[in-house]
């Protein structure tokens, strides 16, 4: 019984209700989105049909995702409205349906996954998070890491700790920054600890202290190593 309770505590620790990465993403989501769109507009500039096809589609997709982001970023966000939209503005699913092949459409898949996760629909959340394609550049790397990390959180909620360890490891690898890397190292370590792989867990926690001592996860890592 004690082992079951310990496992539940570990899983709760891994899948925090509102992760620090989610807060970072939500607080900077508009800048990240426009940064990604701008990045792909530059790439699209090499094509001769840019003026007639690429830019108009990118611009329209950017306008629609901005409408959905507005709902997502409210103080008390309505995730269902941000997801589905209404007569006053588009939702992330609208952007995916109409412009799924654009950068904004790709980012909308990630947003849709977050909305479903916030609403408690783990299966739909996993489906849309997996549809997101990794992108280049610093803003993109942060979103790439969060996407994999959220998939890891879902794996934890479903009791698949082995898959969670792999996903958190990927989240650590795709981006090296003080926001996502120590967070997902900690979650990886917690999942390893829950599996009884304590030596590997300690290595993950020690890496936080060695490489990200100023991060907000470093203090927690010290406590976990002591345990």
Foldseek 3Di string as FASTA:
>chain_A
DVLVVLLVVLLCVLQDLQALLNVVCLVCVLVLLVVQLVVVLVVVVVDPCSVPPVVVLSVVLNVQLVQLSVQVNDPDHDLVCQQCPDPVGHHLVVSCVPPCVHSSNLVSLQSNLVSCVNVPNLVSSLVSLVSRDQDDDQSSLSSVLVSLSVNLSSCSVVVNLVSSLVSLVVSLPSDDDLRRNLSSLQSNLSSCVSVVVNVSSLVSLVCCCVPPVPHPCNVVSVVVNVD
